[in-house]
Amino acid sequence: MIRTGVRQLLVLLYLAAGAAHLAVPGNFLRVMPGWVPYPEAVILWTGLAEIAGAVALAQWFSKPLRYLAGWSLAAYALCVWPANINHMLLDQGANLAYHVPRMFAQPLVIWAALWASGAIDWPWRRAQSAV
């Protein structure tokens, strides 16, 4: 029940983020690290990836597809971390109340995508007896 709720929350958040990437790419261009090639295309594709991941995470008929969505969204969250760090550095300490929790939340988002999809059970899986 909790896992389903976390999964539904992630679906809503990734759908909203994907739609924002497509609707207002300029907001994301401003925080994109300068070393990223073709930033407009990267923002377009990341928005589409978020939406596709959310749809795959939301569906109920294929566990393997849901697991793939969990692994994909976790990898995505890891890959966009440099942009989040760059955003924090661009603000040069302003808005620490926003950026610091966001930096600490990123590993939680990665774990939540894996756990909510059913790809992992950690840390609640019961230890199997070694017989």
N, C-alpha and C. Protein backbone atom coordinates (compact mmCIF):
# COMPACT_ATOMS: atom_id res chain seq x y z
N MET A 1 0.83 -1.19 0.00
CA MET A 1 0.00 0.00 0.00
C MET A 1 0.87 1.26 0.00
N ILE A 2 1.90 1.30 0.86
CA ILE A 2 2.80 2.44 0.88
C ILE A 2 3.59 2.49 -0.42
N ARG A 3 4.02 1.34 -0.88
CA ARG A 3 4.78 1.29 -2.14
C ARG A 3 3.95 1.85 -3.29
N THR A 4 2.67 1.50 -3.34
CA THR A 4 1.79 2.01 -4.39
C THR A 4 1.67 3.53 -4.29
N GLY A 5 1.54 4.04 -3.08
CA GLY A 5 1.45 5.49 -2.89
C GLY A 5 2.71 6.21 -3.33
N VAL A 6 3.87 5.64 -3.00
CA VAL A 6 5.14 6.23 -3.43
C VAL A 6 5.25 6.17 -4.95
N ARG A 7 4.82 5.05 -5.52
CA ARG A 7 4.87 4.92 -6.98
C ARG A 7 3.97 5.97 -7.63
N GLN A 8 2.77 6.16 -7.12
CA GLN A 8 1.85 7.16 -7.68
C GLN A 8 2.40 8.57 -7.53
N LEU A 9 3.04 8.85 -6.40
CA LEU A 9 3.64 10.17 -6.21
C LEU A 9 4.77 10.40 -7.21
N LEU A 10 5.63 9.40 -7.41
CA LEU A 10 6.70 9.52 -8.39
C LEU A 10 6.15 9.71 -9.80
N VAL A 11 5.09 9.00 -10.13
CA VAL A 11 4.47 9.15 -11.45
C VAL A 11 4.03 10.60 -11.65
N LEU A 12 3.35 11.16 -10.66
CA LEU A 12 2.89 12.55 -10.77
C LEU A 12 4.07 13.52 -10.88
N LEU A 13 5.09 13.31 -10.06
CA LEU A 13 6.24 14.21 -10.08
C LEU A 13 7.00 14.13 -11.40
N TYR A 14 7.21 12.92 -11.91
CA TYR A 14 7.93 12.78 -13.18
C TYR A 14 7.09 13.26 -14.36
N LEU A 15 5.78 13.07 -14.33
CA LEU A 15 4.94 13.63 -15.38
C LEU A 15 5.01 15.16 -15.38
N ALA A 16 4.92 15.75 -14.19
CA ALA A 16 4.99 17.21 -14.09
C ALA A 16 6.35 17.73 -14.54
N ALA A 17 7.41 17.06 -14.11
CA ALA A 17 8.76 17.50 -14.50
C ALA A 17 8.96 17.35 -16.00
N GLY A 18 8.50 16.24 -16.56
CA GLY A 18 8.63 16.04 -18.01
C GLY A 18 7.86 17.09 -18.79
N ALA A 19 6.64 17.38 -18.35
CA ALA A 19 5.85 18.41 -19.02
C ALA A 19 6.53 19.77 -18.90
N ALA A 20 7.12 20.06 -17.75
CA ALA A 20 7.82 21.34 -17.58
C ALA A 20 9.03 21.43 -18.51
N HIS A 21 9.76 20.32 -18.66
CA HIS A 21 10.91 20.33 -19.59
C HIS A 21 10.46 20.68 -21.00
N LEU A 22 9.30 20.18 -21.40
CA LEU A 22 8.81 20.42 -22.76
C LEU A 22 8.17 21.80 -22.90
N ALA A 23 7.47 22.25 -21.86
CA ALA A 23 6.73 23.51 -21.95
C ALA A 23 7.60 24.74 -21.73
N VAL A 24 8.54 24.67 -20.80
CA VAL A 24 9.39 25.84 -20.49
C VAL A 24 10.86 25.42 -20.42
N PRO A 25 11.43 25.04 -21.55
CA PRO A 25 12.82 24.57 -21.54
C PRO A 25 13.83 25.62 -21.09
N GLY A 26 13.48 26.89 -21.23
CA GLY A 26 14.40 27.96 -20.83
C GLY A 26 14.78 27.89 -19.37
N ASN A 27 13.85 27.49 -18.52
CA ASN A 27 14.16 27.37 -17.10
C ASN A 27 15.27 26.35 -16.86
N PHE A 28 15.28 25.30 -17.66
CA PHE A 28 16.27 24.23 -17.51
C PHE A 28 17.57 24.59 -18.21
N LEU A 29 17.48 25.35 -19.30
CA LEU A 29 18.69 25.79 -20.00
C LEU A 29 19.56 26.65 -19.09
N ARG A 30 18.93 27.46 -18.25
CA ARG A 30 19.68 28.36 -17.36
C ARG A 30 20.54 27.62 -16.35
N VAL A 31 20.16 26.40 -15.99
CA VAL A 31 20.91 25.66 -14.96
C VAL A 31 21.73 24.51 -15.55
N MET A 32 21.69 24.36 -16.86
CA MET A 32 22.43 23.30 -17.53
C MET A 32 23.93 23.60 -17.45
N PRO A 33 24.74 22.63 -17.00
CA PRO A 33 26.19 22.85 -17.00
C PRO A 33 26.68 23.15 -18.42
N GLY A 34 27.66 24.04 -18.54
CA GLY A 34 28.16 24.47 -19.83
C GLY A 34 28.81 23.38 -20.65
N TRP A 35 29.27 22.31 -20.00
CA TRP A 35 29.96 21.25 -20.71
C TRP A 35 29.02 20.25 -21.40
N VAL A 36 27.70 20.40 -21.18
CA VAL A 36 26.74 19.49 -21.79
C VAL A 36 26.52 19.90 -23.25
N PRO A 37 26.78 19.00 -24.21
CA PRO A 37 26.57 19.35 -25.62
C PRO A 37 25.08 19.35 -25.98
N TYR A 38 24.71 20.16 -26.93
CA TYR A 38 23.34 20.23 -27.44
C TYR A 38 22.30 20.35 -26.32
N PRO A 39 22.40 21.39 -25.50
CA PRO A 39 21.54 21.48 -24.32
C PRO A 39 20.04 21.48 -24.62
N GLU A 40 19.62 22.10 -25.73
CA GLU A 40 18.19 22.11 -26.05
C GLU A 40 17.69 20.69 -26.31
N ALA A 41 18.48 19.92 -27.06
CA ALA A 41 18.09 18.54 -27.34
C ALA A 41 18.09 17.69 -26.06
N VAL A 42 19.07 17.93 -25.20
CA VAL A 42 19.14 17.19 -23.94
C VAL A 42 17.89 17.46 -23.10
N ILE A 43 17.46 18.71 -23.06
CA ILE A 43 16.27 19.04 -22.28
C ILE A 43 15.03 18.40 -22.89
N LEU A 44 14.92 18.43 -24.21
CA LEU A 44 13.79 17.78 -24.87
C LEU A 44 13.76 16.29 -24.54
N TRP A 45 14.89 15.62 -24.71
CA TRP A 45 14.95 14.17 -24.49
C TRP A 45 14.78 13.81 -23.02
N THR A 46 15.27 14.65 -22.11
CA THR A 46 15.07 14.34 -20.69
C THR A 46 13.60 14.49 -20.33
N GLY A 47 12.92 15.48 -20.90
CA GLY A 47 11.49 15.61 -20.65
C GLY A 47 10.71 14.40 -21.15
N LEU A 48 11.05 13.96 -22.36
CA LEU A 48 10.40 12.77 -22.90
C LEU A 48 10.72 11.53 -22.08
N ALA A 49 11.96 11.44 -21.59
CA ALA A 49 12.35 10.29 -20.76
C ALA A 49 11.58 10.28 -19.45
N GLU A 50 11.39 11.45 -18.85
CA GLU A 50 10.62 11.51 -17.61
C GLU A 50 9.18 11.05 -17.84
N ILE A 51 8.58 11.51 -18.92
CA ILE A 51 7.20 11.13 -19.21
C ILE A 51 7.11 9.63 -19.51
N ALA A 52 8.01 9.12 -20.33
CA ALA A 52 8.00 7.68 -20.64
C ALA A 52 8.23 6.85 -19.38
N GLY A 53 9.15 7.29 -18.53
CA GLY A 53 9.39 6.57 -17.28
C GLY A 53 8.18 6.58 -16.37
N ALA A 54 7.51 7.72 -16.30
CA ALA A 54 6.30 7.81 -15.47
C ALA A 54 5.21 6.89 -15.98
N VAL A 55 5.01 6.86 -17.29
CA VAL A 55 3.98 5.98 -17.88
C VAL A 55 4.32 4.52 -17.60
N ALA A 56 5.57 4.15 -17.80
CA ALA A 56 5.98 2.76 -17.55
C ALA A 56 5.87 2.40 -16.08
N LEU A 57 6.15 3.35 -15.20
CA LEU A 57 6.03 3.11 -13.76
C LEU A 57 4.57 2.97 -13.35
N ALA A 58 3.69 3.71 -14.01
CA ALA A 58 2.27 3.71 -13.64
C ALA A 58 1.53 2.46 -14.09
N GLN A 59 1.99 1.84 -15.17
CA GLN A 59 1.23 0.71 -15.72
C GLN A 59 1.27 -0.48 -14.75
N TRP A 60 0.24 -1.32 -14.83
CA TRP A 60 0.08 -2.45 -13.91
C TRP A 60 0.26 -3.81 -14.57
N PHE A 61 0.33 -3.89 -15.87
CA PHE A 61 0.25 -5.17 -16.56
C PHE A 61 1.60 -5.84 -16.82
N SER A 62 2.70 -5.16 -16.59
CA SER A 62 4.01 -5.76 -16.87
C SER A 62 5.00 -5.40 -15.77
N LYS A 63 5.27 -6.36 -14.89
CA LYS A 63 6.28 -6.13 -13.85
C LYS A 63 7.65 -5.85 -14.44
N PRO A 64 8.09 -6.61 -15.46
CA PRO A 64 9.40 -6.31 -16.03
C PRO A 64 9.51 -4.87 -16.57
N LEU A 65 8.45 -4.36 -17.17
CA LEU A 65 8.46 -2.98 -17.66
C LEU A 65 8.51 -2.00 -16.49
N ARG A 66 7.79 -2.31 -15.42
CA ARG A 66 7.81 -1.45 -14.24
C ARG A 66 9.20 -1.46 -13.60
N TYR A 67 9.84 -2.64 -13.53
CA TYR A 67 11.21 -2.72 -13.00
C TYR A 67 12.16 -1.90 -13.87
N LEU A 68 12.01 -2.01 -15.19
CA LEU A 68 12.85 -1.24 -16.10
C LEU A 68 12.64 0.26 -15.89
N ALA A 69 11.40 0.65 -15.67
CA ALA A 69 11.11 2.06 -15.39
C ALA A 69 11.81 2.50 -14.11
N GLY A 70 11.77 1.67 -13.08
CA GLY A 70 12.44 2.01 -11.83
C GLY A 70 13.93 2.20 -12.01
N TRP A 71 14.58 1.24 -12.70
CA TRP A 71 16.02 1.36 -12.96
C TRP A 71 16.33 2.56 -13.84
N SER A 72 15.49 2.81 -14.83
CA SER A 72 15.71 3.93 -15.75
C SER A 72 15.55 5.27 -15.04
N LEU A 73 14.50 5.40 -14.23
CA LEU A 73 14.30 6.66 -13.52
C LEU A 73 15.38 6.88 -12.45
N ALA A 74 15.84 5.80 -11.84
CA ALA A 74 16.94 5.92 -10.87
C ALA A 74 18.21 6.39 -11.58
N ALA A 75 18.51 5.80 -12.73
CA ALA A 75 19.69 6.22 -13.50
C ALA A 75 19.53 7.66 -13.96
N TYR A 76 18.34 8.02 -14.36
CA TYR A 76 18.06 9.40 -14.79
C TYR A 76 18.33 10.37 -13.64
N ALA A 77 17.80 10.06 -12.45
CA ALA A 77 18.00 10.94 -11.30
C ALA A 77 19.48 11.09 -10.97
N LEU A 78 20.24 10.02 -11.14
CA LEU A 78 21.68 10.09 -10.92
C LEU A 78 22.35 10.98 -11.98
N CYS A 79 21.93 10.84 -13.21
CA CYS A 79 22.55 11.59 -14.31
C CYS A 79 22.24 13.09 -14.28
N VAL A 80 21.09 13.47 -13.73
CA VAL A 80 20.77 14.91 -13.68
C VAL A 80 21.30 15.58 -12.42
N TRP A 81 21.89 14.83 -11.54
CA TRP A 81 22.45 15.41 -10.32
C TRP A 81 23.45 16.53 -10.61
N PRO A 82 24.34 16.39 -11.62
CA PRO A 82 25.25 17.51 -11.92
C PRO A 82 24.52 18.81 -12.26
N ALA A 83 23.38 18.72 -12.94
CA ALA A 83 22.61 19.94 -13.23
C ALA A 83 22.06 20.54 -11.94
N ASN A 84 21.64 19.69 -11.01
CA ASN A 84 21.15 20.19 -9.72
C ASN A 84 22.28 20.87 -8.94
N ILE A 85 23.45 20.27 -8.98
CA ILE A 85 24.61 20.88 -8.31
C ILE A 85 24.96 22.20 -8.98
N ASN A 86 24.95 22.22 -10.30
CA ASN A 86 25.24 23.46 -11.04
C ASN A 86 24.22 24.54 -10.68
N HIS A 87 22.96 24.18 -10.56
CA HIS A 87 21.92 25.12 -10.17
C HIS A 87 22.23 25.72 -8.81
N MET A 88 22.64 24.88 -7.87
CA MET A 88 22.98 25.36 -6.53
C MET A 88 24.18 26.32 -6.59
N LEU A 89 25.19 25.97 -7.39
CA LEU A 89 26.36 26.83 -7.49
C LEU A 89 26.04 28.15 -8.17
N LEU A 90 25.16 28.14 -9.15
CA LEU A 90 24.77 29.37 -9.82
C LEU A 90 24.07 30.34 -8.87
N ASP A 91 23.33 29.78 -7.94
CA ASP A 91 22.65 30.63 -6.95
C ASP A 91 23.62 31.16 -5.92
N GLN A 92 24.83 30.64 -5.86
CA GLN A 92 25.90 31.08 -4.97
C GLN A 92 25.43 31.25 -3.53
N GLY A 93 24.79 30.22 -3.04
CA GLY A 93 24.39 30.21 -1.64
C GLY A 93 23.00 30.73 -1.38
N ALA A 94 22.43 31.45 -2.34
CA ALA A 94 21.05 31.91 -2.16
C ALA A 94 20.14 30.69 -2.20
N ASN A 95 19.05 30.77 -1.51
CA ASN A 95 18.07 29.69 -1.53
C ASN A 95 18.61 28.37 -0.97
N LEU A 96 19.46 28.43 0.02
CA LEU A 96 19.99 27.20 0.61
C LEU A 96 18.88 26.31 1.18
N ALA A 97 17.80 26.95 1.63
CA ALA A 97 16.67 26.18 2.15
C ALA A 97 16.05 25.30 1.07
N TYR A 98 16.25 25.66 -0.18
CA TYR A 98 15.76 24.86 -1.30
C TYR A 98 16.81 23.85 -1.76
N HIS A 99 18.05 24.33 -1.94
CA HIS A 99 19.08 23.50 -2.56
C HIS A 99 19.63 22.41 -1.65
N VAL A 100 19.86 22.70 -0.38
CA VAL A 100 20.46 21.69 0.51
C VAL A 100 19.53 20.48 0.67
N PRO A 101 18.25 20.67 0.98
CA PRO A 101 17.38 19.48 1.04
C PRO A 101 17.31 18.74 -0.29
N ARG A 102 17.36 19.48 -1.39
CA ARG A 102 17.31 18.84 -2.70
C ARG A 102 18.53 17.95 -2.92
N MET A 103 19.69 18.40 -2.49
CA MET A 103 20.91 17.59 -2.65
C MET A 103 20.81 16.31 -1.82
N PHE A 104 20.28 16.43 -0.60
CA PHE A 104 20.14 15.26 0.25
C PHE A 104 19.00 14.35 -0.21
N ALA A 105 18.01 14.92 -0.89
CA ALA A 105 16.86 14.14 -1.35
C ALA A 105 17.18 13.32 -2.59
N GLN A 106 18.19 13.71 -3.36
CA GLN A 106 18.47 13.01 -4.62
C GLN A 106 18.71 11.51 -4.42
N PRO A 107 19.52 11.09 -3.44
CA PRO A 107 19.65 9.64 -3.22
C PRO A 107 18.32 8.98 -2.84
N LEU A 108 17.49 9.70 -2.11
CA LEU A 108 16.17 9.18 -1.74
C LEU A 108 15.29 8.99 -2.98
N VAL A 109 15.36 9.92 -3.92
CA VAL A 109 14.60 9.81 -5.17
C VAL A 109 15.08 8.59 -5.96
N ILE A 110 16.39 8.40 -5.99
CA ILE A 110 16.96 7.24 -6.69
C ILE A 110 16.45 5.94 -6.06
N TRP A 111 16.54 5.87 -4.73
CA TRP A 111 16.06 4.68 -4.04
C TRP A 111 14.55 4.50 -4.25
N ALA A 112 13.78 5.58 -4.15
CA ALA A 112 12.32 5.49 -4.26
C ALA A 112 11.90 4.94 -5.62
N ALA A 113 12.59 5.34 -6.68
CA ALA A 113 12.25 4.82 -8.01
C ALA A 113 12.46 3.31 -8.06
N LEU A 114 13.54 2.85 -7.48
CA LEU A 114 13.83 1.41 -7.46
C LEU A 114 12.83 0.66 -6.58
N TRP A 115 12.59 1.18 -5.40
CA TRP A 115 11.71 0.50 -4.44
C TRP A 115 10.26 0.53 -4.90
N ALA A 116 9.78 1.69 -5.35
CA ALA A 116 8.38 1.82 -5.75
C ALA A 116 8.06 0.95 -6.97
N SER A 117 9.06 0.74 -7.83
CA SER A 117 8.84 -0.09 -9.01
C SER A 117 8.86 -1.58 -8.67
N GLY A 118 9.36 -1.92 -7.49
CA GLY A 118 9.50 -3.32 -7.12
C GLY A 118 10.83 -3.91 -7.54
N ALA A 119 11.71 -3.09 -8.13
CA ALA A 119 13.00 -3.59 -8.58
C ALA A 119 13.89 -4.02 -7.41
N ILE A 120 13.70 -3.36 -6.27
CA ILE A 120 14.42 -3.74 -5.04
C ILE A 120 13.43 -3.76 -3.89
N ASP A 121 13.78 -4.48 -2.83
CA ASP A 121 12.98 -4.50 -1.61
C ASP A 121 13.73 -3.88 -0.44
N TRP A 122 14.97 -3.54 -0.64
CA TRP A 122 15.80 -3.01 0.43
C TRP A 122 15.20 -1.73 0.97
N PRO A 123 15.15 -1.53 2.25
CA PRO A 123 15.77 -2.30 3.33
C PRO A 123 14.80 -3.21 4.07
N TRP A 124 13.62 -3.43 3.52
CA TRP A 124 12.60 -4.16 4.26
C TRP A 124 12.51 -5.64 3.93
N ARG A 125 13.31 -6.12 3.02
CA ARG A 125 13.22 -7.55 2.70
C ARG A 125 13.72 -8.36 3.89
N ARG A 126 13.00 -9.40 4.20
CA ARG A 126 13.39 -10.27 5.31
C ARG A 126 14.60 -11.10 4.89
N ALA A 127 15.50 -11.25 5.79
CA ALA A 127 16.69 -12.08 5.52
C ALA A 127 16.24 -13.52 5.34
N GLN A 128 16.76 -14.18 4.35
CA GLN A 128 16.45 -15.59 4.12
C GLN A 128 17.40 -16.43 4.97
N SER A 129 16.84 -17.45 5.57
CA SER A 129 17.68 -18.30 6.42
C SER A 129 18.63 -19.10 5.54
N ALA A 130 19.86 -19.21 5.98
CA ALA A 130 20.86 -19.99 5.26
C ALA A 130 20.84 -21.41 5.79
N VAL A 131 20.11 -22.27 5.11
CA VAL A 131 19.96 -23.65 5.54
C VAL A 131 20.73 -24.54 4.61
